[in-house]
Structure formats: C-alpha cells, structure tokens
C-alpha atoms as a PDB file:
ATOM      1  CA  MET A   1     -43.306 102.133  95.474  1.00  0.00           C
ATOM      2  CA  ALA A   2     -41.591 102.711  99.131  1.00  0.00           C
ATOM      3  CA  ALA A   3     -44.658 104.854 100.091  1.00  0.00           C
ATOM      4  CA  ALA A   4     -47.333 101.467  98.955  1.00  0.00           C
ATOM      5  CA  LEU A   5     -44.680  99.465 100.948  1.00  0.00           C
ATOM      6  CA  ALA A   6     -44.823 101.427 103.315  1.00  0.00           C
ATOM      7  CA  LEU A   7     -48.820 102.127 104.139  1.00  0.00           C
ATOM      8  CA  ALA A   8     -49.117  98.360 103.245  1.00  0.00           C
ATOM      9  CA  GLY A   9     -47.051  96.875 106.369  1.00  0.00           C
ATOM     10  CA  CYS A  10     -50.099  99.404 108.910  1.00  0.00           C
ATOM     11  CA  GLY A  11     -53.545  97.433 107.125  1.00  0.00           C
ATOM     12  CA  GLY A  12     -52.990  95.234 109.931  1.00  0.00           C
ATOM     13  CA  SER A  13     -53.622  91.290 109.847  1.00  0.00           C
ATOM     14  CA  ASP A  14     -56.511  91.876 106.540  1.00  0.00           C
ATOM     15  CA  SER A  15     -53.867  92.654 104.222  1.00  0.00           C
ATOM     16  CA  GLY A  16     -52.611  89.633 103.240  1.00  0.00           C
ATOM     17  CA  GLU A  17     -49.038  90.658 104.319  1.00  0.00           C
ATOM     18  CA  SER A  18     -46.021  88.262 106.398  1.00  0.00           C
ATOM     19  CA  GLY A  19     -44.255  88.079 109.845  1.00  0.00           C
ATOM     20  CA  PRO A  20     -40.649  88.261 109.014  1.00  0.00           C
ATOM     21  CA  GLU A  21     -38.996  85.241 107.327  1.00  0.00           C
ATOM     22  CA  LEU A  22     -35.864  84.631 108.244  1.00  0.00           C
ATOM     23  CA  SER A  23     -32.807  81.964 107.229  1.00  0.00           C
ATOM     24  CA  VAL A  24     -28.770  82.526 107.813  1.00  0.00           C
ATOM     25  CA  GLY A  25     -26.239  82.237 105.759  1.00  0.00           C
ATOM     26  CA  ALA A  26     -22.515  82.754 104.900  1.00  0.00           C
ATOM     27  CA  ALA A  27     -21.457  82.334 108.072  1.00  0.00           C
ATOM     28  CA  TYR A  28     -18.052  81.683 109.362  1.00  0.00           C
ATOM     29  CA  MET A  29     -15.866  83.715 111.797  1.00  0.00           C
ATOM     30  CA  PRO A  30     -12.060  84.378 111.415  1.00  0.00           C
ATOM     31  CA  GLN A  31      -9.897  82.007 113.546  1.00  0.00           C
ATOM     32  CA  PRO A  32      -9.849  84.057 116.207  1.00  0.00           C
ATOM     33  CA  VAL A  33      -5.593  86.448 117.002  1.00  0.00           C
ATOM     34  CA  SER A  34      -6.428  86.708 121.094  1.00  0.00           C
ATOM     35  CA  ASP A  35      -6.910  84.051 123.448  1.00  0.00           C
ATOM     36  CA  SER A  36     -10.285  86.819 125.080  1.00  0.00           C
ATOM     37  CA  MET A  37     -12.218  87.581 121.749  1.00  0.00           C
ATOM     38  CA  ALA A  38     -13.093  87.248 118.267  1.00  0.00           C
ATOM     39  CA  ALA A  39     -15.301  87.892 115.145  1.00  0.00           C
ATOM     40  CA  GLY A  40     -18.334  86.877 113.260  1.00  0.00           C
ATOM     41  CA  PHE A  41     -19.887  87.558 111.072  1.00  0.00           C
ATOM     42  CA  LEU A  42     -23.433  87.032 108.566  1.00  0.00           C
ATOM     43  CA  VAL A  43     -26.186  87.735 106.393  1.00  0.00           C
ATOM     44  CA  VAL A  44     -29.828  86.920 107.654  1.00  0.00           C
ATOM     45  CA  THR A  45     -32.103  87.168 104.310  1.00  0.00           C
ATOM     46  CA  ASN A  46     -35.816  88.653 105.129  1.00  0.00           C
ATOM     47  CA  LYS A  47     -38.428  86.813 102.714  1.00  0.00           C
ATOM     48  CA  GLY A  48     -40.731  89.390 104.912  1.00  0.00           C
ATOM     49  CA  GLY A  49     -43.180  91.483 104.304  1.00  0.00           C
ATOM     50  CA  ASP A  50     -42.148  92.609 107.842  1.00  0.00           C
ATOM     51  CA  GLY A  51     -38.535  94.133 109.322  1.00  0.00           C
ATOM     52  CA  ASP A  52     -37.538  92.422 112.299  1.00  0.00           C
ATOM     53  CA  ARG A  53     -34.679  93.271 114.412  1.00  0.00           C
ATOM     54  CA  LEU A  54     -31.397  91.182 115.608  1.00  0.00           C
ATOM     55  CA  THR A  55     -31.584  91.907 119.614  1.00  0.00           C
ATOM     56  CA  SER A  56     -28.731  89.339 120.698  1.00  0.00           C
ATOM     57  CA  VAL A  57     -26.982  86.463 120.361  1.00  0.00           C
ATOM     58  CA  THR A  58     -25.654  83.701 123.168  1.00  0.00           C
ATOM     59  CA  SER A  59     -22.640  81.117 121.951  1.00  0.00           C
ATOM     60  CA  ASP A  60     -21.200  78.282 123.622  1.00  0.00           C
ATOM     61  CA  VAL A  61     -17.944  79.674 123.411  1.00  0.00           C
ATOM     62  CA  ALA A  62     -18.613  82.563 124.828  1.00  0.00           C
ATOM     63  CA  GLY A  63     -19.449  85.042 127.661  1.00  0.00           C
ATOM     64  CA  GLU A  64     -20.930  87.238 125.791  1.00  0.00           C
ATOM     65  CA  VAL A  65     -21.655  88.366 122.183  1.00  0.00           C
ATOM     66  CA  THR A  66     -22.052  91.668 121.376  1.00  0.00           C
ATOM     67  CA  LEU A  67     -23.367  92.926 118.492  1.00  0.00           C
ATOM     68  CA  HIS A  68     -21.292  95.708 116.542  1.00  0.00           C
ATOM     69  CA  THR A  69     -21.551  98.728 113.519  1.00  0.00           C
ATOM     70  CA  THR A  70     -18.611  99.980 111.934  1.00  0.00           C
ATOM     71  CA  SER A  71     -18.807 103.432 110.279  1.00  0.00           C
ATOM     72  CA  GLY A  72     -15.630 104.614 108.837  1.00  0.00           C
ATOM     73  CA  GLN A  73     -13.226 104.218 110.972  1.00  0.00           C
ATOM     74  CA  ALA A  74     -15.380 104.044 114.452  1.00  0.00           C
ATOM     75  CA  MET A  75     -17.106 100.730 116.182  1.00  0.00           C
ATOM     76  CA  SER A  76     -19.400 101.068 118.195  1.00  0.00           C
ATOM     77  CA  GLU A  77     -21.809  97.931 120.316  1.00  0.00           C
ATOM     78  CA  ALA A  78     -25.853  98.672 119.372  1.00  0.00           C
ATOM     79  CA  ASP A  79     -28.339  97.408 121.129  1.00  0.00           C
ATOM     80  CA  GLY A  80     -29.664  95.989 117.631  1.00  0.00           C
ATOM     81  CA  LEU A  81     -29.341  95.719 114.503  1.00  0.00           C
ATOM     82  CA  ASP A  82     -32.268  95.940 111.719  1.00  0.00           C
ATOM     83  CA  VAL A  83     -33.465  93.244 109.158  1.00  0.00           C
ATOM     84  CA  PRO A  84     -35.364  94.649 107.277  1.00  0.00           C
ATOM     85  CA  ALA A  85     -38.654  93.131 104.756  1.00  0.00           C
ATOM     86  CA  GLY A  86     -37.469  91.835 101.664  1.00  0.00           C
ATOM     87  CA  GLY A  87     -33.962  92.252 102.504  1.00  0.00           C
ATOM     88  CA  ARG A  88     -30.566  91.180 104.368  1.00  0.00           C
ATOM     89  CA  LEU A  89     -28.855  92.415 107.464  1.00  0.00           C
ATOM     90  CA  VAL A  90     -24.895  91.685 106.183  1.00  0.00           C
ATOM     91  CA  LEU A  91     -22.391  91.291 109.025  1.00  0.00           C
ATOM     92  CA  GLU A  92     -19.093  91.255 107.209  1.00  0.00           C
ATOM     93  CA  SER A  93     -15.678  92.280 107.624  1.00  0.00           C
ATOM     94  CA  GLY A  94     -15.429  95.837 108.275  1.00  0.00           C
ATOM     95  CA  GLY A  95     -18.695  96.165 108.229  1.00  0.00           C
ATOM     96  CA  ASP A  96     -21.357  95.549 110.882  1.00  0.00           C
ATOM     97  CA  HIS A  97     -20.358  92.337 112.934  1.00  0.00           C
ATOM     98  CA  LEU A  98     -20.496  90.333 115.989  1.00  0.00           C
ATOM     99  CA  MET A  99     -17.488  90.484 118.217  1.00  0.00           C
ATOM    100  CA  PHE A 100     -17.547  86.921 120.220  1.00  0.00           C
ATOM    101  CA  GLU A 101     -16.297  88.160 124.101  1.00  0.00           C
ATOM    102  CA  LYS A 102     -14.512  86.267 127.180  1.00  0.00           C
ATOM    103  CA  LEU A 103     -14.483  83.284 125.227  1.00  0.00           C
ATOM    104  CA  LYS A 104     -14.178  80.101 127.368  1.00  0.00           C
ATOM    105  CA  ARG A 105     -12.183  78.175 124.375  1.00  0.00           C
ATOM    106  CA  ARG A 106      -9.871  79.527 121.319  1.00  0.00           C
ATOM    107  CA  PRO A 107     -12.261  77.975 118.394  1.00  0.00           C
ATOM    108  CA  LYS A 108      -9.126  77.464 116.230  1.00  0.00           C
ATOM    109  CA  GLU A 109      -9.696  76.185 112.121  1.00  0.00           C
ATOM    110  CA  GLY A 110     -11.760  73.365 110.737  1.00  0.00           C
ATOM    111  CA  ASP A 111     -13.812  74.091 114.565  1.00  0.00           C
ATOM    112  CA  ARG A 112     -17.868  74.422 114.466  1.00  0.00           C
ATOM    113  CA  VAL A 113     -19.103  77.638 116.951  1.00  0.00           C
ATOM    114  CA  SER A 114     -23.297  77.193 117.624  1.00  0.00           C
ATOM    115  CA  LEU A 115     -24.952  80.055 118.425  1.00  0.00           C
ATOM    116  CA  GLU A 116     -28.537  81.311 118.700  1.00  0.00           C
ATOM    117  CA  LEU A 117     -30.135  84.377 117.368  1.00  0.00           C
ATOM    118  CA  HIS A 118     -32.977  86.878 119.384  1.00  0.00           C
ATOM    119  CA  PHE A 119     -34.514  88.368 117.204  1.00  0.00           C
ATOM    120  CA  THR A 120     -37.567  90.889 118.769  1.00  0.00           C
ATOM    121  CA  LYS A 121     -40.597  89.549 115.857  1.00  0.00           C
ATOM    122  CA  SER A 122     -39.523  86.574 114.791  1.00  0.00           C
ATOM    123  CA  GLY A 123     -37.716  82.886 117.046  1.00  0.00           C
ATOM    124  CA  PRO A 124     -34.419  82.305 117.771  1.00  0.00           C
ATOM    125  CA  ILE A 125     -32.515  80.971 114.951  1.00  0.00           C
ATOM    126  CA  ASP A 126     -29.937  77.792 115.434  1.00  0.00           C
ATOM    127  CA  VAL A 127     -26.706  78.598 113.879  1.00  0.00           C
ATOM    128  CA  GLU A 128     -23.581  76.739 113.466  1.00  0.00           C
ATOM    129  CA  MET A 129     -20.587  78.790 112.295  1.00  0.00           C
ATOM    130  CA  PRO A 130     -17.048  77.322 111.104  1.00  0.00           C
ATOM    131  CA  VAL A 131     -14.344  78.465 112.000  1.00  0.00           C
ATOM    132  CA  LYS A 132     -12.205  80.129 109.413  1.00  0.00           C
ATOM    133  CA  SER A 133      -8.364  80.793 108.750  1.00  0.00           C
ATOM    134  CA  ALA A 134      -7.402  84.318 110.991  1.00  0.00           C
ATOM    135  CA  THR A 135      -6.814  85.784 107.062  1.00  0.00           C
ATOM    136  CA  TYR A 136      -9.997  83.897 105.290  1.00  0.00           C
ATOM    137  CA  ARG A 137     -12.380  86.286 103.483  1.00  0.00           C
ATOM    138  CA  PRO A 138     -15.522  85.326 101.602  1.00  0.00           C
ATOM    139  CA  ALA A 139     -16.374  85.323  97.717  1.00  0.00           C
ATOM    140  CA  ALA A 140     -17.337  88.457  96.461  1.00  0.00           C
ATOM    141  CA  SER A 141     -20.815  86.830  95.465  1.00  0.00           C
ATOM    142  CA  THR A 142     -22.249  87.939  98.812  1.00  0.00           C
ATOM    143  CA  LYS A 143     -21.726  90.944  98.581  1.00  0.00           C
ATOM    144  CA  SER A 144     -24.765  92.859  97.250  1.00  0.00           C
ATOM    145  CA  HIS A 145     -25.065  94.488  93.826  1.00  0.00           C
ATOM    146  CA  HIS A 146     -27.406  96.593  93.723  1.00  0.00           C
END
C-alpha cells in the first residue's frame, strides 16, 4: 500500500493528488517556570496528498523559537519537522516540541501567545496558543491509538 502511495506522488499534476492541507490544533504553552524560556506544544494535521515540513516558527513573545526533537532522554534542536501526507506532526510533552527562547515577557496562565508556523510548501499558519498551568496535561484523546 505504501509503495503505491509513494509512486502516486511522482505522477505530476495529472495524478489528482492535492498538495498539503494543513490545520493546527491542540496548541498550548505550559506557564513557563523561567523568565527566559518556555515550551510549546501543538498538533499539525495534514489532510493533503503531499507531505510538508515545519521549518521555523516565529512568535511575538520570544526572540527566537526553536524546534526540538526528543529521543529517549536526549533533546536536540532540529532544522525542521516533517508533516506526513495524510498524517500528523504531534508536538507533545516528552516528545517533539517548540522552545520559546529570549522571552520578551513571561506568559501567565490565561494569556494567549501568537505564533506563526512556516512550512516548506504551505503558506504560514497563524496560531493563538493559550497558556495553561505549568502542570497542565492534555486529555489522552489527543494521542493517536494506532
């Protein structure tokens, strides 16, 4: 099945494949415990026939937003995170996530932080990220059960 899908993506514009169709949900920032850094989490869903890649994020609240991947206990900065065709990029606590660095102000619970996601193919997506308590955990329903 996967091989057939991969081949379909090479057919050019006559194959009827759509480009990436991205939407963002489940965004939140735990109230930062430091004055300089905060983490951010969200889910990018791609309903399109093409994969895309999150390449950078900008925010009014931070001098810099970096993408991080987590493997085991090690966290490393990434230059981009893939959003698979017909799939999701899940940024969650303990997994891949955003780091807001050089904070211009310290977001408090109940605030909203504006950010803009930049992709390889799709246009930028503006996201309003609510600030939750430092111990907030999203409902388990956001996890995929495959």
